[in-house]
Amino acid sequence: MAVKPFIASDVPGLREIVNGYGMLFKQGDVRQLGENIVSLYSDRELYGRIATQCAGRAQEFDIEIMVGKYIDVYGRLLQT
């Protein structure tokens, strides 16, 4: 599987998932979005680093891991 970098708007929800892993740009700031794209395109090392970070972050949201976390939460709720 080829890993890819992730660029997202710096908005609640996405900020918490992407910050420190992918690249964020101010909501509506097309110039900053463009600069992020150009940076990734022109700097292969940056592209690789961000892509690897994003792939690692995506693993945290793997369906099996997420289902296990939900089962744990529901199990704790049922015990109270």
N, C-alpha and C. Protein backbone atom coordinates (compact mmCIF):
# COMPACT_ATOMS: atom_id res chain seq x y z
N MET A 1 0.85 -1.18 0.00
CA MET A 1 0.00 0.00 0.00
C MET A 1 0.89 1.24 0.00
N ALA A 2 0.63 2.14 -0.91
CA ALA A 2 1.38 3.40 -0.97
C ALA A 2 0.81 4.36 0.07
N VAL A 3 1.70 4.97 0.83
CA VAL A 3 1.25 5.94 1.83
C VAL A 3 1.20 7.32 1.20
N LYS A 4 0.28 8.15 1.68
CA LYS A 4 0.07 9.49 1.14
C LYS A 4 0.02 10.49 2.29
N PRO A 5 0.47 11.71 2.05
CA PRO A 5 0.35 12.76 3.06
C PRO A 5 -1.09 13.27 3.11
N PHE A 6 -1.43 13.92 4.19
CA PHE A 6 -2.79 14.43 4.37
C PHE A 6 -2.72 15.92 4.67
N ILE A 7 -3.53 16.70 3.98
CA ILE A 7 -3.65 18.13 4.21
C ILE A 7 -5.10 18.40 4.55
N ALA A 8 -5.35 19.17 5.61
CA ALA A 8 -6.72 19.44 6.03
C ALA A 8 -6.86 20.86 6.53
N SER A 9 -8.10 21.35 6.50
CA SER A 9 -8.41 22.65 7.10
C SER A 9 -8.21 22.58 8.60
N ASP A 10 -7.71 23.65 9.17
CA ASP A 10 -7.49 23.73 10.62
C ASP A 10 -8.82 24.10 11.28
N VAL A 11 -9.69 23.10 11.40
CA VAL A 11 -11.00 23.27 12.01
C VAL A 11 -11.18 22.22 13.10
N PRO A 12 -12.06 22.49 14.08
CA PRO A 12 -12.28 21.50 15.13
C PRO A 12 -12.64 20.14 14.54
N GLY A 13 -12.12 19.11 15.12
CA GLY A 13 -12.35 17.75 14.63
C GLY A 13 -11.17 17.31 13.77
N LEU A 14 -10.97 17.98 12.66
CA LEU A 14 -9.82 17.66 11.81
C LEU A 14 -8.52 18.05 12.50
N ARG A 15 -8.53 19.18 13.19
CA ARG A 15 -7.32 19.66 13.89
C ARG A 15 -6.81 18.60 14.86
N GLU A 16 -7.70 18.00 15.62
CA GLU A 16 -7.29 17.04 16.63
C GLU A 16 -6.76 15.74 16.00
N ILE A 17 -7.26 15.39 14.85
CA ILE A 17 -6.83 14.16 14.19
C ILE A 17 -5.53 14.38 13.43
N VAL A 18 -5.41 15.50 12.74
CA VAL A 18 -4.30 15.72 11.81
C VAL A 18 -3.09 16.38 12.46
N ASN A 19 -3.29 17.26 13.43
CA ASN A 19 -2.20 18.04 13.99
C ASN A 19 -1.06 17.16 14.49
N GLY A 20 0.13 17.45 14.01
CA GLY A 20 1.30 16.68 14.38
C GLY A 20 1.57 15.49 13.47
N TYR A 21 0.67 15.24 12.56
CA TYR A 21 0.82 14.10 11.64
C TYR A 21 0.82 14.58 10.20
N GLY A 22 -0.25 15.25 9.79
CA GLY A 22 -0.35 15.78 8.44
C GLY A 22 -0.09 17.28 8.45
N MET A 23 -0.62 17.96 7.46
CA MET A 23 -0.45 19.40 7.35
C MET A 23 -1.81 20.08 7.46
N LEU A 24 -1.84 21.19 8.18
CA LEU A 24 -3.07 21.96 8.34
C LEU A 24 -2.92 23.32 7.66
N PHE A 25 -4.03 23.84 7.17
CA PHE A 25 -4.06 25.20 6.64
C PHE A 25 -5.29 25.90 7.20
N LYS A 26 -5.18 27.21 7.37
CA LYS A 26 -6.28 27.98 7.91
C LYS A 26 -7.50 27.84 6.99
N GLN A 27 -8.65 27.59 7.61
CA GLN A 27 -9.88 27.40 6.84
C GLN A 27 -10.08 28.55 5.85
N GLY A 28 -10.27 28.20 4.59
CA GLY A 28 -10.52 29.19 3.56
C GLY A 28 -9.26 29.83 2.97
N ASP A 29 -8.10 29.51 3.50
CA ASP A 29 -6.86 30.12 3.03
C ASP A 29 -6.29 29.29 1.88
N VAL A 30 -6.77 29.58 0.68
CA VAL A 30 -6.34 28.80 -0.49
C VAL A 30 -4.86 28.99 -0.79
N ARG A 31 -4.33 30.13 -0.43
CA ARG A 31 -2.89 30.36 -0.65
C ARG A 31 -2.06 29.40 0.20
N GLN A 32 -2.42 29.28 1.47
CA GLN A 32 -1.69 28.37 2.35
C GLN A 32 -1.87 26.92 1.91
N LEU A 33 -3.07 26.56 1.48
CA LEU A 33 -3.30 25.22 0.95
C LEU A 33 -2.38 24.97 -0.24
N GLY A 34 -2.34 25.92 -1.15
CA GLY A 34 -1.47 25.80 -2.32
C GLY A 34 -0.01 25.67 -1.93
N GLU A 35 0.42 26.46 -0.94
CA GLU A 35 1.81 26.39 -0.49
C GLU A 35 2.12 25.01 0.10
N ASN A 36 1.17 24.45 0.84
CA ASN A 36 1.37 23.11 1.39
C ASN A 36 1.51 22.08 0.27
N ILE A 37 0.67 22.19 -0.74
CA ILE A 37 0.73 21.26 -1.87
C ILE A 37 2.07 21.38 -2.60
N VAL A 38 2.48 22.62 -2.86
CA VAL A 38 3.76 22.85 -3.55
C VAL A 38 4.91 22.32 -2.71
N SER A 39 4.86 22.53 -1.39
CA SER A 39 5.92 22.04 -0.51
C SER A 39 6.05 20.52 -0.60
N LEU A 40 4.92 19.84 -0.56
CA LEU A 40 4.94 18.38 -0.64
C LEU A 40 5.43 17.91 -2.01
N TYR A 41 5.02 18.61 -3.05
CA TYR A 41 5.39 18.23 -4.40
C TYR A 41 6.89 18.44 -4.66
N SER A 42 7.42 19.52 -4.12
CA SER A 42 8.81 19.87 -4.43
C SER A 42 9.83 19.29 -3.45
N ASP A 43 9.39 18.84 -2.29
CA ASP A 43 10.31 18.33 -1.27
C ASP A 43 9.96 16.87 -0.98
N ARG A 44 10.64 15.96 -1.65
CA ARG A 44 10.35 14.53 -1.52
C ARG A 44 10.58 14.02 -0.10
N GLU A 45 11.56 14.60 0.60
CA GLU A 45 11.81 14.19 1.98
C GLU A 45 10.62 14.58 2.87
N LEU A 46 10.13 15.80 2.71
CA LEU A 46 8.96 16.25 3.45
C LEU A 46 7.76 15.36 3.12
N TYR A 47 7.56 15.11 1.83
CA TYR A 47 6.46 14.25 1.39
C TYR A 47 6.53 12.90 2.09
N GLY A 48 7.68 12.29 2.07
CA GLY A 48 7.85 10.98 2.68
C GLY A 48 7.62 10.99 4.18
N ARG A 49 8.15 12.01 4.84
CA ARG A 49 7.99 12.11 6.30
C ARG A 49 6.52 12.28 6.67
N ILE A 50 5.83 13.21 6.01
CA ILE A 50 4.42 13.46 6.31
C ILE A 50 3.58 12.23 5.96
N ALA A 51 3.86 11.61 4.82
CA ALA A 51 3.10 10.42 4.42
C ALA A 51 3.27 9.29 5.44
N THR A 52 4.49 9.09 5.92
CA THR A 52 4.74 8.04 6.91
C THR A 52 4.02 8.35 8.22
N GLN A 53 4.05 9.61 8.66
CA GLN A 53 3.34 10.02 9.87
C GLN A 53 1.84 9.78 9.71
N CYS A 54 1.30 10.12 8.56
CA CYS A 54 -0.13 9.94 8.31
C CYS A 54 -0.52 8.47 8.30
N ALA A 55 0.33 7.63 7.72
CA ALA A 55 0.04 6.20 7.70
C ALA A 55 0.02 5.64 9.12
N GLY A 56 0.95 6.08 9.95
CA GLY A 56 0.96 5.65 11.34
C GLY A 56 -0.29 6.11 12.08
N ARG A 57 -0.69 7.34 11.83
CA ARG A 57 -1.89 7.87 12.48
C ARG A 57 -3.12 7.11 12.02
N ALA A 58 -3.20 6.78 10.75
CA ALA A 58 -4.36 6.06 10.22
C ALA A 58 -4.50 4.70 10.89
N GLN A 59 -3.39 4.08 11.25
CA GLN A 59 -3.45 2.78 11.92
C GLN A 59 -4.19 2.87 13.26
N GLU A 60 -4.13 4.04 13.89
CA GLU A 60 -4.83 4.22 15.16
C GLU A 60 -6.34 4.17 14.98
N PHE A 61 -6.81 4.37 13.75
CA PHE A 61 -8.24 4.38 13.46
C PHE A 61 -8.66 3.14 12.67
N ASP A 62 -7.81 2.11 12.68
CA ASP A 62 -8.14 0.85 12.04
C ASP A 62 -9.46 0.34 12.61
N ILE A 63 -10.30 -0.25 11.75
CA ILE A 63 -11.64 -0.67 12.17
C ILE A 63 -11.58 -1.64 13.35
N GLU A 64 -10.65 -2.57 13.35
CA GLU A 64 -10.57 -3.53 14.45
C GLU A 64 -10.19 -2.85 15.76
N ILE A 65 -9.28 -1.90 15.69
CA ILE A 65 -8.88 -1.16 16.89
C ILE A 65 -10.06 -0.33 17.40
N MET A 66 -10.75 0.34 16.50
CA MET A 66 -11.88 1.18 16.91
C MET A 66 -13.02 0.34 17.50
N VAL A 67 -13.32 -0.79 16.91
CA VAL A 67 -14.37 -1.66 17.44
C VAL A 67 -13.98 -2.12 18.84
N GLY A 68 -12.73 -2.49 19.02
CA GLY A 68 -12.26 -2.90 20.35
C GLY A 68 -12.42 -1.80 21.38
N LYS A 69 -12.12 -0.57 20.99
CA LYS A 69 -12.28 0.56 21.91
C LYS A 69 -13.74 0.79 22.27
N TYR A 70 -14.62 0.66 21.27
CA TYR A 70 -16.06 0.81 21.56
C TYR A 70 -16.55 -0.30 22.48
N ILE A 71 -16.11 -1.51 22.27
CA ILE A 71 -16.51 -2.62 23.14
C ILE A 71 -16.05 -2.36 24.56
N ASP A 72 -14.83 -1.85 24.73
CA ASP A 72 -14.34 -1.52 26.06
C ASP A 72 -15.20 -0.45 26.73
N VAL A 73 -15.54 0.59 25.99
CA VAL A 73 -16.37 1.67 26.55
C VAL A 73 -17.72 1.13 26.97
N TYR A 74 -18.38 0.38 26.08
CA TYR A 74 -19.70 -0.17 26.41
C TYR A 74 -19.62 -1.14 27.58
N GLY A 75 -18.55 -1.91 27.65
CA GLY A 75 -18.37 -2.84 28.76
C GLY A 75 -18.26 -2.10 30.09
N ARG A 76 -17.50 -0.99 30.09
CA ARG A 76 -17.37 -0.19 31.31
C ARG A 76 -18.71 0.45 31.69
N LEU A 77 -19.46 0.91 30.70
CA LEU A 77 -20.77 1.52 30.97
C LEU A 77 -21.74 0.50 31.57
N LEU A 78 -21.70 -0.70 31.09
CA LEU A 78 -22.60 -1.73 31.58
C LEU A 78 -22.26 -2.16 33.00
N GLN A 79 -21.00 -1.99 33.40
CA GLN A 79 -20.58 -2.38 34.76
C GLN A 79 -21.00 -1.35 35.81
N THR A 80 -21.34 -0.14 35.37
CA THR A 80 -21.69 0.90 36.36
C THR A 80 -23.17 0.91 36.65
